[in-house]
């Protein structure tokens, strides 16, 4: 159980005074054991939004090159992550990122995106999002929780490629060593990127016991709850 002390200001409830803020308890499912106290830090997605841009036939080749360059950049970033904090992220970390690299190099995944660019004559961002949404929809429909949670990995890889398309590098975060990270979903690569900042625990709205993110949290010995 993670206890979160409310940051309410002047407030009185059930006999509590300004000097003693009330405690709010949230029910959730433990996916990595432990008890900590810290400051809740909400982590939000970048809310990337894309237009569907139709491109002329003569621009298709350049758009394919742009996509392939982004794939190469994303591959380099993942390779660095796979080797970062090897001892800290446990035995599963390198294997998880190897799976992400395998997805990036999957001929089916890449060819579907390239076909979308070529046949529909659309920008790479739109093609990536369309193909990713198709994959995610299929995984979310699976009844097996272990397989269903793989949709987070698909989104993780997709976001990394999209960031590379936009010229962004790895995530830059600055927060205190006593932070409890709160997010709707927590992607495995994000977890590894923020690990150097020393978060004490993780809380998410979605994700299950077999999620790669929580496998990493257990091996990092950081408490985590979901739901």
Protein backbone atom coordinates (compact mmCIF):
# COMPACT_ATOMS: atom_id res chain seq x y z
CA UNK A 1 0.00 0.00 0.00
CA UNK A 2 1.30 3.42 -0.87
CA UNK A 3 0.15 6.28 1.36
CA UNK A 4 -0.21 9.61 -0.36
CA UNK A 5 -0.46 12.63 1.88
CA UNK A 6 -2.76 15.20 0.34
CA UNK A 7 -1.19 18.55 -0.45
CA UNK A 8 -4.35 20.39 0.53
CA UNK A 9 -3.95 23.84 2.02
CA UNK A 10 -6.33 25.43 4.50
CA UNK A 11 -8.80 22.64 5.04
CA UNK A 12 -10.64 21.04 7.92
CA UNK A 13 -12.19 17.60 7.77
CA UNK A 14 -12.97 14.99 10.41
CA UNK A 15 -11.19 16.97 13.07
CA UNK A 16 -8.04 17.64 11.02
CA UNK A 17 -6.59 21.13 11.13
CA UNK A 18 -4.27 23.15 8.92
CA UNK A 19 -1.27 21.64 10.71
CA UNK A 20 -2.52 18.11 10.07
CA UNK A 21 -3.81 17.68 6.50
CA UNK A 22 -6.23 14.79 5.99
CA UNK A 23 -5.03 11.54 4.51
CA UNK A 24 -6.59 10.20 1.33
CA UNK A 25 -6.33 6.46 0.65
CA UNK A 26 -6.61 5.12 -2.87
CA UNK A 27 -7.29 1.46 -3.52
CA UNK A 28 -5.00 -0.16 -6.10
CA UNK A 29 -3.33 -3.45 -6.96
CA UNK A 30 0.26 -4.02 -5.87
CA UNK A 31 2.55 -5.08 -8.72
CA UNK A 32 5.82 -4.51 -6.89
CA UNK A 33 5.98 -4.77 -3.11
CA UNK A 34 7.15 -2.13 -0.68
CA UNK A 35 6.10 0.94 1.31
CA UNK A 36 7.49 4.42 0.76
CA UNK A 37 6.59 8.03 1.41
CA UNK A 38 7.26 10.75 -1.12
CA UNK A 39 5.98 13.61 -3.22
CA UNK A 40 3.63 12.66 -6.04
CA UNK A 41 4.91 13.80 -9.44
CA UNK A 42 2.45 13.41 -12.31
CA UNK A 43 3.98 12.32 -15.59
CA UNK A 44 1.97 13.20 -18.69
CA UNK A 45 2.45 12.20 -22.30
CA UNK A 46 3.59 14.73 -24.84
CA UNK A 47 0.14 14.62 -26.50
CA UNK A 48 1.60 14.49 -29.98
CA UNK A 49 -0.98 15.32 -32.61
CA UNK A 50 -0.54 14.83 -36.33
CA UNK A 51 -2.23 16.01 -39.45
CA UNK A 52 -2.76 13.71 -42.36
CA UNK A 53 -0.65 15.36 -45.02
CA UNK A 54 -1.00 14.14 -48.57
CA UNK A 55 2.31 14.27 -50.39
CA UNK A 56 2.99 14.31 -54.14
CA UNK A 57 4.37 11.23 -55.85
CA UNK A 58 7.79 12.84 -56.27
CA UNK A 59 8.05 13.39 -52.48
CA UNK A 60 7.42 9.75 -51.50
CA UNK A 61 11.07 8.69 -51.79
CA UNK A 62 12.20 11.52 -49.50
CA UNK A 63 9.50 10.64 -46.96
CA UNK A 64 10.63 7.01 -46.94
CA UNK A 65 14.20 8.15 -46.33
CA UNK A 66 12.98 10.38 -43.49
CA UNK A 67 11.20 7.41 -41.91
CA UNK A 68 14.25 5.13 -42.26
CA UNK A 69 16.49 7.77 -40.70
CA UNK A 70 14.10 7.97 -37.74
CA UNK A 71 14.20 4.18 -37.39
CA UNK A 72 18.01 4.30 -37.30
CA UNK A 73 17.98 7.05 -34.65
CA UNK A 74 15.43 5.18 -32.52
CA UNK A 75 17.53 2.02 -32.78
CA UNK A 76 20.59 3.85 -31.46
CA UNK A 77 18.64 5.28 -28.53
CA UNK A 78 17.26 1.86 -27.59
CA UNK A 79 20.72 0.29 -27.82
CA UNK A 80 22.02 2.91 -25.37
CA UNK A 81 19.11 2.28 -23.02
CA UNK A 82 19.67 -1.47 -23.13
CA UNK A 83 23.21 -0.95 -21.89
CA UNK A 84 22.42 1.72 -19.31
CA UNK A 85 22.35 0.82 -15.58
CA UNK A 86 22.55 -2.85 -16.43
CA UNK A 87 22.90 -3.93 -12.80
CA UNK A 88 20.20 -1.54 -11.59
CA UNK A 89 17.52 -2.53 -14.10
CA UNK A 90 17.97 -6.22 -13.37
CA UNK A 91 18.23 -9.22 -15.62
CA UNK A 92 15.07 -8.51 -17.61
CA UNK A 93 15.93 -4.97 -18.72
CA UNK A 94 18.30 -5.82 -21.58
CA UNK A 95 15.90 -8.52 -22.80
CA UNK A 96 12.95 -6.14 -22.83
CA UNK A 97 14.84 -3.58 -24.89
CA UNK A 98 16.10 -6.34 -27.15
CA UNK A 99 12.42 -7.10 -27.82
CA UNK A 100 11.85 -3.42 -28.64
CA UNK A 101 14.79 -3.50 -31.02
CA UNK A 102 13.37 -6.64 -32.61
CA UNK A 103 10.09 -4.81 -33.21
CA UNK A 104 11.89 -1.87 -34.82
CA UNK A 105 13.72 -4.31 -37.08
CA UNK A 106 10.61 -6.41 -37.78
CA UNK A 107 10.20 -6.37 -41.59
CA UNK A 108 6.41 -6.63 -41.24
CA UNK A 109 6.14 -3.57 -38.98
CA UNK A 110 8.43 -1.45 -41.13
CA UNK A 111 6.95 -2.56 -44.44
CA UNK A 112 3.41 -1.78 -43.31
CA UNK A 113 4.44 1.77 -42.49
CA UNK A 114 6.34 2.15 -45.75
CA UNK A 115 3.39 0.76 -47.70
CA UNK A 116 1.12 3.28 -45.99
CA UNK A 117 3.46 6.11 -47.00
CA UNK A 118 3.77 4.83 -50.58
CA UNK A 119 0.21 3.77 -51.36
CA UNK A 120 -1.66 6.44 -49.45
CA UNK A 121 1.01 9.06 -50.17
CA UNK A 122 0.92 10.42 -46.63
CA UNK A 123 3.49 11.80 -44.19
CA UNK A 124 5.49 9.34 -42.09
CA UNK A 125 3.92 10.48 -38.78
CA UNK A 126 0.44 9.65 -40.00
CA UNK A 127 1.56 6.29 -41.39
CA UNK A 128 3.27 5.31 -38.10
CA UNK A 129 0.24 6.30 -36.04
CA UNK A 130 -2.14 4.40 -38.33
CA UNK A 131 -0.12 1.18 -38.23
CA UNK A 132 0.52 1.50 -34.48
CA UNK A 133 -3.20 1.98 -33.76
CA UNK A 134 -3.93 -1.20 -35.71
CA UNK A 135 -1.39 -3.19 -33.66
CA UNK A 136 -2.55 -1.70 -30.34
CA UNK A 137 -6.20 -2.45 -31.12
CA UNK A 138 -5.39 -6.10 -31.77
CA UNK A 139 -3.36 -6.48 -28.56
CA UNK A 140 -6.00 -4.79 -26.40
CA UNK A 141 -8.58 -7.28 -27.70
CA UNK A 142 -6.54 -10.25 -26.45
CA UNK A 143 -7.95 -11.91 -23.31
CA UNK A 144 -4.56 -13.10 -22.02
CA UNK A 145 -3.26 -10.32 -19.72
CA UNK A 146 0.39 -11.20 -20.45
CA UNK A 147 -0.11 -10.62 -24.17
CA UNK A 148 -2.55 -7.74 -23.76
CA UNK A 149 0.00 -5.66 -21.86
CA UNK A 150 2.32 -5.79 -24.86
CA UNK A 151 0.39 -2.89 -26.37
CA UNK A 152 2.42 -0.60 -24.09
CA UNK A 153 5.62 -1.84 -25.73
CA UNK A 154 4.19 -1.15 -29.19
CA UNK A 155 3.29 2.40 -28.14
CA UNK A 156 6.71 2.80 -26.55
CA UNK A 157 8.54 1.93 -29.77
CA UNK A 158 6.16 4.03 -31.87
CA UNK A 159 6.65 7.10 -29.64
CA UNK A 160 10.41 6.74 -29.89
CA UNK A 161 10.29 6.67 -33.69
CA UNK A 162 7.92 9.66 -33.75
CA UNK A 163 10.25 11.57 -31.42
CA UNK A 164 13.15 10.82 -33.74
CA UNK A 165 11.09 12.12 -36.67
CA UNK A 166 10.56 15.35 -34.79
CA UNK A 167 14.25 15.67 -33.96
CA UNK A 168 13.83 14.93 -30.24
CA UNK A 169 16.34 12.85 -28.32
CA UNK A 170 15.87 10.99 -25.07
CA UNK A 171 13.50 12.17 -22.38
CA UNK A 172 14.78 14.92 -20.11
CA UNK A 173 13.28 14.96 -16.63
CA UNK A 174 14.24 16.74 -13.44
CA UNK A 175 12.52 15.98 -10.16
CA UNK A 176 13.39 15.27 -6.55
CA UNK A 177 14.86 12.09 -5.15
CA UNK A 178 11.72 11.55 -3.03
CA UNK A 179 9.40 11.44 -6.05
CA UNK A 180 6.57 8.96 -6.49
CA UNK A 181 5.85 8.92 -10.22
CA UNK A 182 2.16 8.91 -11.16
CA UNK A 183 1.07 8.20 -14.75
CA UNK A 184 -1.75 6.78 -16.84
CA UNK A 185 0.70 4.31 -18.40
CA UNK A 186 4.40 3.92 -17.75
CA UNK A 187 6.47 2.79 -20.70
CA UNK A 188 9.54 0.60 -20.07
CA UNK A 189 11.97 2.99 -21.76
CA UNK A 190 10.58 5.93 -19.77
CA UNK A 191 11.07 4.00 -16.55
CA UNK A 192 14.73 3.35 -17.37
CA UNK A 193 15.29 6.96 -18.47
CA UNK A 194 13.95 8.36 -15.19
CA UNK A 195 15.65 5.74 -12.99
CA UNK A 196 18.81 7.86 -12.69
CA UNK A 197 16.70 10.54 -10.95
CA UNK A 198 15.96 8.11 -8.13
CA UNK A 199 12.14 7.82 -8.06
CA UNK A 200 10.97 5.97 -4.97
CA UNK A 201 7.87 4.33 -6.41
CA UNK A 202 5.40 4.21 -9.31
CA UNK A 203 1.63 4.52 -9.57
CA UNK A 204 -0.26 3.94 -12.82
CA UNK A 205 -3.85 3.78 -13.94
CA UNK A 206 -3.21 0.95 -16.41
CA UNK A 207 -0.93 -2.08 -16.62
CA UNK A 208 -0.76 -5.54 -15.07
CA UNK A 209 1.62 -7.81 -13.18
CA UNK A 210 3.20 -9.08 -16.40
CA UNK A 211 3.73 -5.61 -17.90
CA UNK A 212 7.37 -5.07 -18.83
CA UNK A 213 7.33 -1.82 -16.87
CA UNK A 214 6.41 -3.58 -13.65
CA UNK A 215 8.81 -6.43 -14.26
CA UNK A 216 11.49 -3.71 -14.34
CA UNK A 217 10.07 -2.04 -11.22
CA UNK A 218 10.31 -5.31 -9.29
CA UNK A 219 13.89 -5.88 -10.39
CA UNK A 220 14.73 -2.27 -9.51
CA UNK A 221 13.17 -2.95 -6.07
CA UNK A 222 10.78 -0.02 -6.38
CA UNK A 223 7.21 -0.31 -5.06
CA UNK A 224 4.49 0.02 -7.67
CA UNK A 225 0.69 -0.09 -7.75
CA UNK A 226 -1.75 -0.02 -10.63
CA UNK A 227 -5.46 0.38 -11.17
